[in-house]
Protein backbone atom coordinates (compact mmCIF):
# COMPACT_ATOMS: atom_id res chain seq x y z
CA MET A 1 -4.24 19.94 13.89
CA THR A 2 -4.50 16.57 12.30
CA ASN A 3 -1.56 14.64 11.09
CA LYS A 4 -1.30 11.13 9.37
CA ARG A 5 1.48 8.64 9.39
CA LYS A 6 1.73 6.44 6.33
CA PRO A 7 1.89 2.59 7.42
CA PHE A 8 4.49 0.36 6.11
CA ARG A 9 3.29 -2.79 4.21
CA SER A 10 5.15 -6.05 4.35
CA ALA A 11 6.14 -7.70 0.96
CA SER A 12 4.27 -10.81 2.04
CA TRP A 13 0.87 -8.61 2.44
CA ALA A 14 1.60 -7.13 -1.23
CA ARG A 15 1.69 -10.82 -2.53
CA CYS A 16 -1.70 -11.57 -1.12
CA ALA A 17 -3.74 -8.34 -1.08
CA GLY A 18 -4.47 -6.45 -3.96
CA PRO A 19 -2.83 -3.35 -5.48
CA LEU A 20 -5.20 -0.98 -3.44
CA GLY A 21 -3.46 -0.58 0.23
CA ILE A 22 -5.93 -1.52 2.73
CA THR A 23 -4.11 -0.35 5.76
CA LEU A 24 -5.69 2.69 7.43
CA SER A 25 -3.71 5.66 8.54
CA LEU A 26 -5.19 6.47 11.95
CA PRO A 27 -4.93 9.98 13.16
CA ARG A 28 -2.81 11.71 15.74
CA PHE A 29 -3.84 14.98 17.22
CA LEU A 30 -0.72 17.04 18.00
CA HIS A 31 -0.99 19.29 20.89
CA ALA A 32 2.90 18.89 20.94
CA GLU A 33 5.67 17.69 18.82
CA ASN A 34 6.81 14.91 21.15
CA GLN A 35 4.68 11.69 20.87
CA VAL A 36 4.69 7.88 20.83
CA ASP A 37 1.84 5.91 18.95
CA TYR A 38 1.28 2.21 19.18
CA ARG A 39 -1.00 0.38 16.55
CA TYR A 40 -2.15 -3.14 16.24
CA GLU A 41 -3.89 -4.29 13.18
CA TYR A 42 -5.69 -7.60 12.37
CA TYR A 43 -6.52 -8.55 8.84
CA SER A 44 -8.50 -11.69 8.27
CA GLU A 45 -9.69 -13.11 5.00
CA ASP A 46 -12.78 -15.01 4.73
CA ASN A 47 -12.75 -18.69 4.54
CA ASN A 48 -9.78 -18.93 6.82
CA ARG A 49 -7.43 -18.01 3.66
CA MET A 50 -4.95 -15.32 5.11
CA THR A 51 -4.50 -13.70 8.30
CA ILE A 52 -1.91 -10.83 8.86
CA TYR A 53 -1.29 -9.04 12.14
CA THR A 54 0.76 -5.98 12.64
CA ASP A 55 2.35 -4.18 15.31
CA SER A 56 3.81 -0.80 14.95
CA VAL A 57 5.25 1.87 17.06
CA TYR A 58 5.68 5.57 15.72
CA PHE A 59 7.50 8.43 17.46
CA GLU A 60 8.35 12.09 16.96
CA GLN A 61 10.75 13.88 19.20
CA LYS A 62 11.87 17.51 18.92
CA LEU A 63 15.69 17.79 19.12
CA THR A 64 16.11 21.53 18.72
CA ASP A 65 13.97 24.45 17.59
CA ALA A 66 14.75 23.51 13.95
CA THR A 67 14.98 19.50 14.00
CA VAL A 68 12.41 16.93 14.83
CA ALA A 69 13.20 13.38 14.57
CA LYS A 70 10.52 10.86 13.39
CA GLY A 71 10.59 7.03 13.14
CA GLU A 72 8.44 3.99 12.99
CA LEU A 73 9.26 0.26 14.04
CA VAL A 74 6.92 -2.39 12.47
CA TYR A 75 6.46 -6.22 12.97
CA ASP A 76 4.28 -7.91 10.73
CA GLY A 77 3.18 -11.81 11.03
CA ILE A 78 1.58 -13.53 7.96
CA SER A 79 0.05 -17.04 7.54
CA GLY A 80 -2.23 -18.75 5.34
CA ALA A 81 -2.78 -19.44 1.79
CA THR A 82 -2.96 -17.21 -1.23
CA PRO A 83 -3.92 -18.13 -4.86
CA LYS A 84 -1.20 -19.29 -7.19
CA GLY A 85 -3.04 -17.90 -10.17
CA THR A 86 -3.98 -21.28 -11.65
CA VAL A 87 -7.05 -23.57 -11.52
CA TYR A 88 -7.36 -27.51 -11.13
CA PRO A 89 -9.37 -29.41 -13.55
CA ASN A 90 -12.28 -29.80 -10.77
CA GLY A 91 -12.47 -26.08 -10.83
CA LYS A 92 -11.01 -25.54 -7.42
CA ILE A 93 -8.14 -22.60 -7.30
CA ALA A 94 -4.59 -23.66 -6.48
CA LEU A 95 -3.29 -22.31 -3.17
CA THR A 96 0.27 -21.80 -2.06
CA HIS A 97 0.83 -21.51 1.84
CA LEU A 98 2.74 -18.79 3.44
CA GLN A 99 4.14 -18.15 6.93
CA ASP A 100 6.69 -15.31 7.54
CA ASN A 101 7.61 -12.46 9.54
CA ARG A 102 8.83 -8.91 8.72
CA ARG A 103 10.68 -6.41 10.68
CA SER A 104 11.01 -2.95 9.46
CA VAL A 105 12.35 0.35 10.57
CA SER A 106 12.16 4.07 9.08
CA LEU A 107 13.80 7.18 10.38
CA GLN A 108 13.23 10.71 9.06
CA LEU A 109 14.42 14.14 10.20
CA ASP A 110 12.62 17.38 9.62
CA ALA A 111 15.36 20.15 9.37
CA SER A 112 14.04 23.57 9.04
CA LEU A 113 16.54 25.44 6.71
CA THR A 114 14.44 28.49 7.13
CA LYS A 115 11.24 29.40 8.81
CA ASP A 116 9.49 28.50 5.35
CA ASN A 117 11.76 25.86 4.10
CA THR A 118 12.01 22.26 5.81
CA LEU A 119 14.27 19.43 4.25
CA THR A 120 13.51 15.95 5.24
CA PRO A 121 15.82 13.09 4.49
CA GLY A 122 14.78 9.61 5.38
CA PHE A 123 15.79 6.00 5.52
CA ALA A 124 14.08 2.67 5.66
CA TYR A 125 15.01 -0.92 5.86
CA SER A 126 12.62 -4.01 5.81
CA LYS A 127 13.52 -7.84 6.06
CA GLU A 128 11.61 -11.01 5.82
CA SER A 129 12.86 -14.59 4.88
CA ASP A 130 12.30 -14.06 1.18
CA TYR A 131 12.78 -10.04 0.66
CA GLN A 132 14.82 -7.50 1.94
CA SER A 133 14.62 -3.68 1.21
CA TYR A 134 16.72 -0.69 1.57
CA GLY A 135 15.27 2.81 0.74
CA LEU A 136 16.62 6.28 0.63
CA SER A 137 14.56 9.62 0.41
CA LEU A 138 15.05 13.22 0.46
CA ASN A 139 11.83 15.62 0.44
CA ASP A 140 11.54 19.38 0.61
CA ALA A 141 8.61 21.50 1.44
CA ILE A 142 8.48 25.41 0.91
CA GLN A 143 5.86 27.58 2.28
CA PHE A 144 4.92 30.94 0.87
CA ASN A 145 2.14 33.20 0.15
CA GLU A 146 1.62 33.90 3.89
CA LYS A 147 2.04 30.37 4.53
CA ASN A 148 -1.20 29.56 2.68
CA THR A 149 0.49 27.79 -0.28
CA THR A 150 2.92 24.69 0.50
CA LEU A 151 5.17 23.30 -2.65
CA GLU A 152 6.67 19.79 -1.95
CA TYR A 153 8.89 17.79 -4.04
CA GLY A 154 11.25 14.90 -3.38
CA VAL A 155 12.87 11.72 -4.70
CA SER A 156 13.17 8.21 -3.25
CA GLN A 157 15.31 5.10 -4.19
CA ASN A 158 14.63 1.68 -3.04
CA ILE A 159 17.25 -1.35 -3.49
CA ASP A 160 15.71 -4.63 -2.86
CA SER A 161 16.40 -8.33 -3.04
CA VAL A 162 13.90 -10.93 -3.72
CA ARG A 163 14.41 -14.53 -3.06
CA ASN A 164 13.10 -16.67 -6.11
CA THR A 165 13.61 -20.23 -7.54
CA ASP A 166 15.99 -20.75 -10.48
CA HIS A 167 13.92 -23.43 -12.15
CA THR A 168 16.90 -24.58 -14.38
CA THR A 169 18.72 -25.87 -10.90
CA ASP A 170 15.63 -25.85 -8.84
CA LYS A 171 17.87 -23.89 -6.32
CA TYR A 172 17.10 -20.63 -4.39
CA VAL A 173 18.58 -17.30 -5.84
CA TRP A 174 18.35 -13.73 -4.85
CA SER A 175 17.51 -11.16 -7.55
CA ASP A 176 17.77 -7.37 -7.60
CA LYS A 177 15.06 -5.06 -7.94
CA TYR A 178 15.27 -1.35 -7.83
CA SER A 179 12.50 1.41 -7.51
CA THR A 180 13.00 5.05 -8.21
CA GLU A 181 10.31 7.67 -7.60
CA GLY A 182 9.92 11.41 -8.01
CA LEU A 183 7.22 13.58 -6.47
CA ILE A 184 6.06 17.12 -6.73
CA GLY A 185 2.89 18.47 -5.12
CA VAL A 186 1.16 21.44 -3.69
CA SER A 187 -1.20 22.18 -0.72
CA GLN A 188 -3.30 25.35 -0.86
CA LEU A 189 -5.43 26.80 1.79
CA LEU A 190 -8.43 28.02 -0.27
CA SER A 191 -10.13 29.61 2.65
CA PRO A 192 -9.86 29.21 6.64
CA LYS A 193 -12.17 25.96 6.44
CA THR A 194 -11.11 24.68 2.92
CA ILE A 195 -7.84 22.73 1.91
CA PHE A 196 -6.79 21.73 -1.46
CA THR A 197 -3.85 19.24 -2.41
CA ALA A 198 -2.62 17.86 -5.58
CA ASP A 199 0.57 15.79 -6.49
CA PHE A 200 2.03 14.12 -9.24
CA THR A 201 4.46 11.01 -8.93
CA PHE A 202 6.68 9.35 -11.50
CA GLY A 203 8.27 6.00 -10.79
CA ASN A 204 10.42 3.39 -12.57
CA ASP A 205 10.82 -0.09 -11.30
CA SER A 206 13.50 -2.46 -12.87
CA GLY A 207 15.01 -5.85 -12.32
CA TYR A 208 13.05 -8.84 -10.93
CA LEU A 209 9.48 -7.63 -10.73
CA SER A 210 7.89 -11.25 -11.16
CA ASP A 211 6.07 -12.89 -7.89
CA PRO A 212 8.04 -15.96 -7.11
CA TYR A 213 4.71 -17.21 -5.68
CA ARG A 214 2.44 -16.98 -8.67
CA LEU A 215 2.13 -19.33 -11.70
CA ALA A 216 0.53 -18.74 -15.03
CA GLY A 217 -1.84 -21.22 -16.65
CA TYR A 218 -0.27 -22.68 -19.83
CA VAL A 219 -2.15 -25.02 -22.22
CA PRO A 220 0.22 -26.65 -24.48
CA THR A 221 -1.07 -27.56 -28.08
CA GLY A 222 -3.06 -30.75 -27.99
CA PHE A 223 -3.27 -30.84 -24.10
CA PRO A 224 -6.94 -30.98 -22.58
CA PHE A 225 -5.89 -28.92 -19.49
CA SER A 226 -3.48 -26.30 -18.30
CA ILE A 227 -0.64 -26.69 -16.45
CA GLY A 228 1.22 -24.17 -14.02
CA VAL A 229 4.27 -22.38 -15.44
CA PRO A 230 6.32 -19.71 -13.54
CA GLU A 231 4.78 -16.11 -14.49
CA ARG A 232 7.35 -13.94 -16.14
CA ARG A 233 6.67 -9.84 -16.00
CA PRO A 234 8.64 -7.22 -17.91
CA SER A 235 11.68 -6.52 -16.13
CA HIS A 236 11.14 -2.60 -16.43
CA ARG A 237 7.86 -0.78 -15.42
CA ASN A 238 7.23 3.05 -15.63
CA LYS A 239 4.21 4.46 -13.57
CA GLU A 240 2.57 7.83 -13.15
CA VAL A 241 0.29 8.90 -10.35
CA PHE A 242 -1.76 11.82 -10.05
CA TYR A 243 -3.63 12.54 -6.68
CA THR A 244 -5.99 15.35 -5.48
CA SER A 245 -8.13 15.72 -2.38
CA LEU A 246 -10.34 18.62 -0.99
CA THR A 247 -11.16 19.04 2.70
CA GLN A 248 -13.92 21.29 3.76
CA TYR A 249 -14.95 22.01 7.54
CA PHE A 250 -18.29 22.72 8.61
CA GLU A 251 -18.38 24.86 11.66
CA LYS A 252 -21.96 24.52 12.44
CA VAL A 253 -21.84 20.70 12.81
CA ASN A 254 -18.24 20.85 13.85
CA GLY A 255 -17.34 18.16 11.22
CA SER A 256 -15.33 18.04 8.07
CA ILE A 257 -15.48 16.18 4.79
CA GLU A 258 -12.45 15.04 2.80
CA GLY A 259 -13.02 13.74 -0.86
CA SER A 260 -10.08 12.41 -2.90
CA TYR A 261 -9.34 11.05 -6.34
CA ARG A 262 -6.34 9.04 -7.50
CA PHE A 263 -5.34 8.22 -11.10
CA TYR A 264 -2.66 5.47 -11.93
CA ASN A 265 -1.10 4.54 -15.18
CA ASP A 266 1.72 2.12 -15.73
CA SER A 267 3.60 0.59 -18.81
CA TYR A 268 2.15 -2.85 -18.05
CA GLY A 269 -1.08 -1.30 -19.39
CA VAL A 270 -2.94 -1.05 -16.06
CA ILE A 271 -4.99 1.99 -15.74
CA ALA A 272 -6.62 2.55 -12.22
CA ASN A 273 -9.12 4.98 -10.68
CA THR A 274 -9.67 5.45 -6.83
CA VAL A 275 -12.20 7.79 -5.16
CA GLY A 276 -12.57 8.19 -1.49
CA VAL A 277 -14.61 10.17 1.01
CA THR A 278 -14.20 10.42 4.74
CA TRP A 279 -16.45 12.40 7.26
CA ARG A 280 -14.70 13.48 10.33
CA GLN A 281 -17.41 14.39 12.85
CA TRP A 282 -16.53 15.57 16.47
CA VAL A 283 -19.04 14.26 19.10
CA GLY A 284 -18.88 16.12 22.14
CA LYS A 285 -15.23 17.10 23.27
CA HIS A 286 -13.75 13.69 23.53
CA PHE A 287 -14.63 11.69 20.58
CA ILE A 288 -14.19 11.71 16.88
CA ALA A 289 -16.08 9.37 14.39
CA GLU A 290 -14.85 8.99 10.97
CA PRO A 291 -16.80 6.72 8.68
CA PHE A 292 -15.18 6.43 5.25
CA PHE A 293 -15.68 4.69 1.94
CA ARG A 294 -13.34 4.12 -0.96
CA PHE A 295 -13.88 2.58 -4.44
CA TYR A 296 -11.01 1.22 -6.55
CA GLU A 297 -11.12 -0.28 -10.26
CA GLN A 298 -8.46 -1.13 -12.65
CA SER A 299 -7.93 -2.67 -16.08
CA ALA A 300 -5.81 -5.68 -16.81
CA ALA A 301 -2.17 -5.67 -17.40
CA ASN A 302 -1.53 -6.46 -21.34
CA PHE A 303 0.28 -9.80 -20.47
CA TYR A 304 -2.69 -11.20 -17.98
CA ALA A 305 -4.86 -14.03 -18.77
CA THR A 306 -6.27 -16.98 -17.09
CA THR A 307 -4.70 -19.27 -19.59
CA PHE A 308 -2.20 -19.23 -22.10
CA SER A 309 -1.70 -21.61 -25.15
CA GLY A 310 1.16 -22.49 -27.23
CA PRO A 311 3.73 -25.28 -28.23
CA PHE A 312 4.75 -27.86 -25.49
CA THR A 313 8.21 -26.93 -24.10
CA THR A 314 10.56 -28.90 -21.72
CA ASN A 315 11.98 -25.49 -20.45
CA PRO A 316 11.61 -25.35 -16.75
CA ASN A 317 11.06 -21.77 -17.01
CA GLY A 318 8.17 -21.94 -19.15
CA PRO A 319 7.34 -20.78 -22.59
CA PRO A 320 9.01 -17.51 -23.93
CA GLY A 321 7.27 -14.27 -23.65
CA PHE A 322 5.46 -12.39 -20.72
CA HIS A 323 2.71 -14.07 -19.13
CA SER A 324 0.98 -14.06 -15.63
CA SER A 325 -2.33 -15.52 -14.16
CA ASP A 326 -2.05 -13.26 -11.08
CA TYR A 327 -5.31 -11.98 -10.31
CA ARG A 328 -4.06 -8.69 -8.89
CA LEU A 329 -3.16 -7.97 -12.55
CA SER A 330 -6.61 -8.83 -13.99
CA GLU A 331 -9.48 -6.36 -14.36
CA PHE A 332 -11.33 -5.95 -11.14
CA TYR A 333 -12.89 -3.45 -8.68
CA SER A 334 -12.67 -3.30 -5.00
CA THR A 335 -14.42 -1.59 -2.28
CA ASP A 336 -13.27 -0.56 1.34
CA THR A 337 -15.72 0.49 4.03
CA GLY A 338 -15.51 1.41 7.74
CA VAL A 339 -15.11 3.45 10.58
CA GLN A 340 -12.59 4.80 12.99
CA LEU A 341 -13.20 6.17 16.55
CA THR A 342 -10.98 8.34 18.48
CA GLY A 343 -11.22 8.89 22.15
CA ILE A 344 -9.30 11.89 23.60
CA VAL A 345 -8.71 11.11 27.22
CA ASN A 346 -6.87 14.27 27.87
CA ASP A 347 -4.09 16.37 25.96
CA HIS A 348 -1.72 13.48 26.51
CA ILE A 349 -3.49 10.25 25.86
CA HIS A 350 -5.73 9.41 22.97
CA ILE A 351 -7.17 5.83 22.08
CA VAL A 352 -8.09 4.76 18.77
CA VAL A 353 -10.10 1.91 17.31
CA GLY A 354 -11.26 1.02 13.85
CA TYR A 355 -13.07 -1.50 11.48
CA HIS A 356 -13.25 -1.72 7.68
CA ARG A 357 -14.48 -4.25 5.21
CA TYR A 358 -12.50 -4.95 2.10
CA GLU A 359 -13.89 -6.71 -0.89
CA MET A 360 -12.33 -7.43 -4.34
CA HIS A 361 -14.53 -8.48 -7.42
CA GLY A 362 -13.28 -9.53 -10.82
CA LEU A 363 -14.71 -7.90 -14.00
CA ASP A 364 -13.40 -9.96 -16.74
CA GLY A 365 -16.02 -12.75 -16.54
CA LYS A 366 -13.21 -15.25 -16.72
CA THR A 367 -11.04 -15.10 -13.64
CA SER A 368 -12.57 -17.17 -10.99
CA SER A 369 -14.34 -15.31 -8.40
CA ALA A 370 -12.52 -17.50 -5.72
CA MET A 371 -9.30 -15.91 -6.48
CA TYR A 372 -10.48 -12.34 -4.93
CA PRO A 373 -10.25 -11.87 -1.26
CA GLU A 374 -12.79 -10.29 0.89
CA ALA A 375 -11.48 -9.51 4.43
CA ASN A 376 -12.24 -7.92 7.73
CA VAL A 377 -9.71 -5.56 9.26
CA TYR A 378 -9.50 -4.42 12.87
CA THR A 379 -7.22 -1.76 14.40
CA ALA A 380 -6.57 -0.46 17.90
CA GLY A 381 -4.09 1.76 19.19
CA VAL A 382 -2.98 4.58 21.86
CA SER A 383 -0.95 7.69 21.57
CA PHE A 384 0.82 9.49 24.06
CA LEU A 385 1.84 13.08 23.78
CA TRP A 386 3.78 15.54 25.82
């Protein structure tokens, strides 16, 4: 059986990378419930722009016949430069330099209420110099139809604090951000070799949703060039996500293919589509090769533009209204292509290495191509099971 853990992403990472998550979930093959996994990931953008390294440790421990404890510890280090959103008169993009560390912990407890019903409460905490997050979640999974069907539903709540600048006083302040999500999904065994999954997520974000490291390009009336003003995003955002996947196993070649589709829509006006395909191929009894490809495209937020115009203002917070020149809110597409290799030393030790290439490209013909990152991502890890 193959299980996947979802990696954490640092807030700093989110400020630098695009909305499409680029961290891979590497497989763990469970011959026992008790295990410890270590992963190291190195993300390096072209032109020496941004570097991120991540160390993570995941553990799973059976406590009783009805309870299993799970958890993950993550340490991120980020350094380099990321676009502010504005362009100098000579055509070069403006960069802001970042250096930060993030530490996070998450804990979950799978509690089997009955043989067909598992309740999972969870807690997560993350901290870096300019961002702090607390998260609570509660999920329930019910199996029926002779365990061929699994219904899952749950809710989560994040309470975050973001450090930003009060441009009126030019001092740092901490602002609150809240994120609430609800999910319902189903997993169906269509045949002994075919699995179908589908889920729907609704979320709401509120509070300080702007990025303190981003600017908007503003051209005051009569000015021959733009100036950078603090970006301002709406303080509320609703989002809907639909995800579905189909996995088919082919006995003759001892391999399987997984195809997935994800639709995203939010009240900012962003509509996104993601399609992905992964082939998992056993090579003998001790190796698994997993080549994959993922394509993502999105429309621009309704308040995004490379430059805005209007009357000159002396307000340090910039002109009224919502405005952002953050390339991650522009119209673009991205590709993620790579391969993972798993070596099964024995039933108790597994080694995983991976590489993938991530590229982002603009579609509006206005945003500078230099804004969009291209990166190499390397991953290595080891799993111990008992």
